[in-house]
Protein backbone atom coordinates (compact mmCIF):
# COMPACT_ATOMS: atom_id res chain seq x y z
CA UNK A 1 -12.23 -0.46 8.68
CA UNK A 2 -12.74 -2.87 11.58
CA UNK A 3 -16.26 -3.67 10.43
CA UNK A 4 -15.12 -4.01 6.81
CA UNK A 5 -12.76 -6.84 7.76
CA UNK A 6 -15.39 -8.56 9.90
CA UNK A 7 -14.25 -7.38 13.33
CA UNK A 8 -15.72 -5.37 16.22
CA UNK A 9 -15.73 -1.58 15.96
CA UNK A 10 -12.60 -0.98 18.09
CA UNK A 11 -10.47 -3.79 16.61
CA UNK A 12 -8.14 -1.60 14.51
CA UNK A 13 -7.96 1.01 17.27
CA UNK A 14 -6.74 -1.69 19.68
CA UNK A 15 -4.04 -2.72 17.21
CA UNK A 16 -2.97 0.90 16.69
CA UNK A 17 -2.69 1.42 20.45
CA UNK A 18 -0.70 -1.80 20.97
CA UNK A 19 -3.47 -3.43 22.99
CA UNK A 20 -3.97 -6.24 20.49
CA UNK A 21 -2.21 -7.87 17.55
CA UNK A 22 -3.93 -9.27 14.49
CA UNK A 23 -3.76 -12.94 13.60
CA UNK A 24 -1.93 -13.72 10.38
CA UNK A 25 -5.28 -14.15 8.61
CA UNK A 26 -6.50 -10.79 9.88
CA UNK A 27 -3.20 -9.20 8.82
CA UNK A 28 -3.83 -10.41 5.26
CA UNK A 29 -7.37 -8.99 5.39
CA UNK A 30 -5.97 -5.66 6.54
CA UNK A 31 -3.47 -5.62 3.67
CA UNK A 32 -6.23 -6.51 1.21
CA UNK A 33 -8.42 -3.73 2.62
CA UNK A 34 -5.55 -1.23 2.21
CA UNK A 35 -4.81 -2.49 -1.31
CA UNK A 36 -1.21 -3.37 -0.50
CA UNK A 37 0.91 -6.49 -0.22
CA UNK A 38 2.37 -7.65 3.11
CA UNK A 39 5.82 -6.66 1.78
CA UNK A 40 4.58 -3.15 1.08
CA UNK A 41 3.10 -2.99 4.58
CA UNK A 42 6.50 -3.52 6.16
CA UNK A 43 8.50 -1.46 3.65
CA UNK A 44 8.70 1.79 5.60
CA UNK A 45 10.94 3.54 3.09
CA UNK A 46 8.18 3.72 0.49
CA UNK A 47 4.60 4.87 0.16
CA UNK A 48 2.64 2.03 -1.48
CA UNK A 49 -0.51 4.09 -1.88
CA UNK A 50 1.39 6.71 -3.90
CA UNK A 51 3.15 3.99 -5.90
CA UNK A 52 -0.22 2.45 -6.78
CA UNK A 53 -1.54 5.87 -7.73
CA UNK A 54 1.44 6.37 -10.03
CA UNK A 55 0.96 2.96 -11.64
CA UNK A 56 -2.70 3.75 -12.28
CA UNK A 57 -1.74 7.08 -13.84
CA UNK A 58 0.71 5.33 -16.18
CA UNK A 59 -1.94 3.16 -17.82
CA UNK A 60 -2.36 4.13 -21.43
CA UNK A 61 0.98 5.90 -21.66
CA UNK A 62 2.95 5.09 -24.80
CA UNK A 63 6.22 3.15 -24.71
CA UNK A 64 8.15 6.27 -25.72
CA UNK A 65 6.52 8.27 -22.92
CA UNK A 66 7.39 5.49 -20.46
CA UNK A 67 11.03 5.66 -21.52
CA UNK A 68 11.01 9.41 -20.92
CA UNK A 69 9.44 8.97 -17.48
CA UNK A 70 11.92 6.24 -16.54
CA UNK A 71 14.82 8.53 -17.47
CA UNK A 72 13.25 11.33 -15.44
CA UNK A 73 12.82 9.15 -12.36
CA UNK A 74 16.39 7.85 -12.62
CA UNK A 75 17.55 11.47 -12.73
CA UNK A 76 15.58 12.26 -9.56
CA UNK A 77 17.35 9.49 -7.64
CA UNK A 78 20.76 11.10 -8.05
């Protein structure tokens, strides 16, 4: 991942270990690499990767099927 965002091999490892912090620009590159928004990065109550997977799976689903899925999800929240 470090090399993919144009950094040295141990760059991400240093961030993970608290030895370094990314610049704001690098933070945006990290989010882009992960396929998430900065808001999703900091939203610890959710799993953006799973949410994106669900959104991808919903493509091509009919409007009626979406209504059924929405009702199902609302029922799960209770």
